[in-house]
Amino acid sequence: MSDSGSISRLDKLRALEEWLDWQLRQTRNRVRELEVQERQEQQRRERARAELSWKLQPQRSGGPALLHRGGCAAYTAQMGFINREEALIAMNEPDIEPCLVCNPQTGLG
């Protein structure tokens, strides 16, 4: 039974389909936004950890090994961070010198 003024089942389903498509697009957009935010937050945590750490640059062809702050751009290796106590020990080694760019000793005082 169908009135001339009522909406057919097919039209109702098409309307529902459009609404569900819209809802899915909104959800996917929100997921992408949250993924970006999550990556940015992870990068912030990694930068903060690096800034509170130190790293050792191995000795190169006759030059001394260098101690850097974790976030120093002069030596960009992102692995092998050491803590404050280990950095203090490294500073007392005769064959390890502080980086002249980041001055890692300032964070050890």
C-alpha atoms as a PDB file:
ATOM      1  CA  MET A   1       0.000   0.000   0.000  1.00  0.00           C
ATOM      2  CA  SER A   2       1.454   3.249  -1.074  1.00  0.00           C
ATOM      3  CA  ASP A   3      -0.013   6.742  -0.818  1.00  0.00           C
ATOM      4  CA  SER A   4       0.843   9.272  -3.435  1.00  0.00           C
ATOM      5  CA  GLY A   5       2.229  11.467  -0.598  1.00  0.00           C
ATOM      6  CA  SER A   6       4.309   8.836   1.214  1.00  0.00           C
ATOM      7  CA  ILE A   7       7.969   8.058   0.614  1.00  0.00           C
ATOM      8  CA  SER A   8       8.689   4.699  -0.955  1.00  0.00           C
ATOM      9  CA  ARG A   9      10.866   2.118   0.768  1.00  0.00           C
ATOM     10  CA  LEU A  10      13.440   2.558  -1.987  1.00  0.00           C
ATOM     11  CA  ASP A  11      13.614   6.314  -1.433  1.00  0.00           C
ATOM     12  CA  LYS A  12      13.950   5.749   2.322  1.00  0.00           C
ATOM     13  CA  LEU A  13      16.822   3.331   1.765  1.00  0.00           C
ATOM     14  CA  ARG A  14      18.543   5.738  -0.626  1.00  0.00           C
ATOM     15  CA  ALA A  15      18.234   8.511   1.949  1.00  0.00           C
ATOM     16  CA  LEU A  16      19.637   6.188   4.622  1.00  0.00           C
ATOM     17  CA  GLU A  17      22.486   5.204   2.306  1.00  0.00           C
ATOM     18  CA  GLU A  18      23.405   8.865   1.703  1.00  0.00           C
ATOM     19  CA  TRP A  19      23.325   9.582   5.415  1.00  0.00           C
ATOM     20  CA  LEU A  20      25.476   6.535   6.195  1.00  0.00           C
ATOM     21  CA  ASP A  21      27.963   7.557   3.463  1.00  0.00           C
ATOM     22  CA  TRP A  22      28.162  11.026   5.010  1.00  0.00           C
ATOM     23  CA  GLN A  23      28.630   9.547   8.463  1.00  0.00           C
ATOM     24  CA  LEU A  24      31.388   7.224   7.207  1.00  0.00           C
ATOM     25  CA  ARG A  25      33.219  10.134   5.535  1.00  0.00           C
ATOM     26  CA  GLN A  26      33.001  12.144   8.763  1.00  0.00           C
ATOM     27  CA  THR A  27      34.330   9.202  10.772  1.00  0.00           C
ATOM     28  CA  ARG A  28      37.211   8.598   8.364  1.00  0.00           C
ATOM     29  CA  ASN A  29      38.135  12.283   8.442  1.00  0.00           C
ATOM     30  CA  ARG A  30      38.128  12.242  12.239  1.00  0.00           C
ATOM     31  CA  VAL A  31      40.282   9.091  12.289  1.00  0.00           C
ATOM     32  CA  ARG A  32      42.827  10.802  10.003  1.00  0.00           C
ATOM     33  CA  GLU A  33      42.857  13.896  12.232  1.00  0.00           C
ATOM     34  CA  LEU A  34      43.429  11.785  15.334  1.00  0.00           C
ATOM     35  CA  GLU A  35      46.203   9.813  13.630  1.00  0.00           C
ATOM     36  CA  VAL A  36      47.982  13.077  12.778  1.00  0.00           C
ATOM     37  CA  GLN A  37      47.558  14.307  16.347  1.00  0.00           C
ATOM     38  CA  GLU A  38      48.874  11.011  17.698  1.00  0.00           C
ATOM     39  CA  ARG A  39      51.976  11.155  15.459  1.00  0.00           C
ATOM     40  CA  GLN A  40      52.616  14.758  16.502  1.00  0.00           C
ATOM     41  CA  GLU A  41      52.265  13.877  20.179  1.00  0.00           C
ATOM     42  CA  GLN A  42      54.668  10.948  19.748  1.00  0.00           C
ATOM     43  CA  GLN A  43      57.185  13.262  18.074  1.00  0.00           C
ATOM     44  CA  ARG A  44      56.820  15.775  20.945  1.00  0.00           C
ATOM     45  CA  ARG A  45      57.439  13.013  23.502  1.00  0.00           C
ATOM     46  CA  GLU A  46      60.505  11.819  21.591  1.00  0.00           C
ATOM     47  CA  ARG A  47      61.883  15.381  21.345  1.00  0.00           C
ATOM     48  CA  ALA A  48      61.285  15.957  25.062  1.00  0.00           C
ATOM     49  CA  ARG A  49      63.046  12.691  25.892  1.00  0.00           C
ATOM     50  CA  ALA A  50      65.955  13.639  23.655  1.00  0.00           C
ATOM     51  CA  GLU A  51      66.269  17.054  25.304  1.00  0.00           C
ATOM     52  CA  LEU A  52      66.568  15.378  28.699  1.00  0.00           C
ATOM     53  CA  SER A  53      69.207  12.951  27.445  1.00  0.00           C
ATOM     54  CA  TRP A  54      72.689  12.941  25.993  1.00  0.00           C
ATOM     55  CA  LYS A  55      74.355  10.961  23.234  1.00  0.00           C
ATOM     56  CA  LEU A  56      77.892   9.981  22.361  1.00  0.00           C
ATOM     57  CA  GLN A  57      79.291  10.470  18.894  1.00  0.00           C
ATOM     58  CA  PRO A  58      81.939   7.831  18.254  1.00  0.00           C
ATOM     59  CA  GLN A  59      85.521   8.856  17.650  1.00  0.00           C
ATOM     60  CA  ARG A  60      86.221   9.643  13.981  1.00  0.00           C
ATOM     61  CA  SER A  61      89.561   9.503  12.153  1.00  0.00           C
ATOM     62  CA  GLY A  62      91.847  10.876  14.795  1.00  0.00           C
ATOM     63  CA  GLY A  63      89.305  13.226  16.389  1.00  0.00           C
ATOM     64  CA  PRO A  64      87.877  12.713  19.868  1.00  0.00           C
ATOM     65  CA  ALA A  65      84.524  11.199  20.647  1.00  0.00           C
ATOM     66  CA  LEU A  66      81.958  13.917  21.358  1.00  0.00           C
ATOM     67  CA  LEU A  67      79.258  14.221  23.968  1.00  0.00           C
ATOM     68  CA  HIS A  68      76.071  15.896  22.701  1.00  0.00           C
ATOM     69  CA  ARG A  69      72.713  16.896  24.151  1.00  0.00           C
ATOM     70  CA  GLY A  70      70.073  14.471  22.938  1.00  0.00           C
ATOM     71  CA  GLY A  71      68.512  17.025  20.616  1.00  0.00           C
ATOM     72  CA  CYS A  72      71.745  18.393  19.138  1.00  0.00           C
ATOM     73  CA  ALA A  73      71.502  18.924  15.388  1.00  0.00           C
ATOM     74  CA  ALA A  74      75.268  18.529  14.956  1.00  0.00           C
ATOM     75  CA  TYR A  75      74.911  14.773  15.548  1.00  0.00           C
ATOM     76  CA  THR A  76      71.538  13.445  14.514  1.00  0.00           C
ATOM     77  CA  ALA A  77      71.737   9.782  15.512  1.00  0.00           C
ATOM     78  CA  GLN A  78      68.488   9.036  17.347  1.00  0.00           C
ATOM     79  CA  MET A  79      69.569   5.944  19.187  1.00  0.00           C
ATOM     80  CA  GLY A  80      71.767   5.222  22.132  1.00  0.00           C
ATOM     81  CA  PHE A  81      70.694   8.003  24.462  1.00  0.00           C
ATOM     82  CA  ILE A  82      72.426   8.068  27.809  1.00  0.00           C
ATOM     83  CA  ASN A  83      71.230   9.518  31.095  1.00  0.00           C
ATOM     84  CA  ARG A  84      72.727  12.330  33.195  1.00  0.00           C
ATOM     85  CA  GLU A  85      74.875  10.051  35.325  1.00  0.00           C
ATOM     86  CA  GLU A  86      76.369   8.360  32.265  1.00  0.00           C
ATOM     87  CA  ALA A  87      76.972  11.749  30.643  1.00  0.00           C
ATOM     88  CA  LEU A  88      78.841  12.916  33.769  1.00  0.00           C
ATOM     89  CA  ILE A  89      81.055   9.834  33.571  1.00  0.00           C
ATOM     90  CA  ALA A  90      81.656  10.468  29.855  1.00  0.00           C
ATOM     91  CA  MET A  91      82.666  14.093  30.520  1.00  0.00           C
ATOM     92  CA  ASN A  92      85.422  12.846  32.815  1.00  0.00           C
ATOM     93  CA  GLU A  93      86.883  10.543  30.171  1.00  0.00           C
ATOM     94  CA  PRO A  94      90.032  12.004  28.559  1.00  0.00           C
ATOM     95  CA  ASP A  95      89.106  10.928  25.024  1.00  0.00           C
ATOM     96  CA  ILE A  96      85.580  12.430  25.075  1.00  0.00           C
ATOM     97  CA  GLU A  97      85.006  16.142  24.513  1.00  0.00           C
ATOM     98  CA  PRO A  98      81.828  18.217  24.727  1.00  0.00           C
ATOM     99  CA  CYS A  99      80.180  19.357  21.510  1.00  0.00           C
ATOM    100  CA  LEU A 100      80.867  23.027  20.869  1.00  0.00           C
ATOM    101  CA  VAL A 101      77.422  23.502  19.291  1.00  0.00           C
ATOM    102  CA  CYS A 102      75.120  22.226  22.051  1.00  0.00           C
ATOM    103  CA  ASN A 103      77.443  22.567  25.082  1.00  0.00           C
ATOM    104  CA  PRO A 104      76.189  19.433  26.862  1.00  0.00           C
ATOM    105  CA  GLN A 105      78.009  20.297  30.065  1.00  0.00           C
ATOM    106  CA  THR A 106      75.517  23.095  30.783  1.00  0.00           C
ATOM    107  CA  GLY A 107      72.820  20.495  31.472  1.00  0.00           C
ATOM    108  CA  LEU A 108      75.098  18.545  33.749  1.00  0.00           C
ATOM    109  CA  GLY A 109      75.885  21.246  36.295  1.00  0.00           C
END
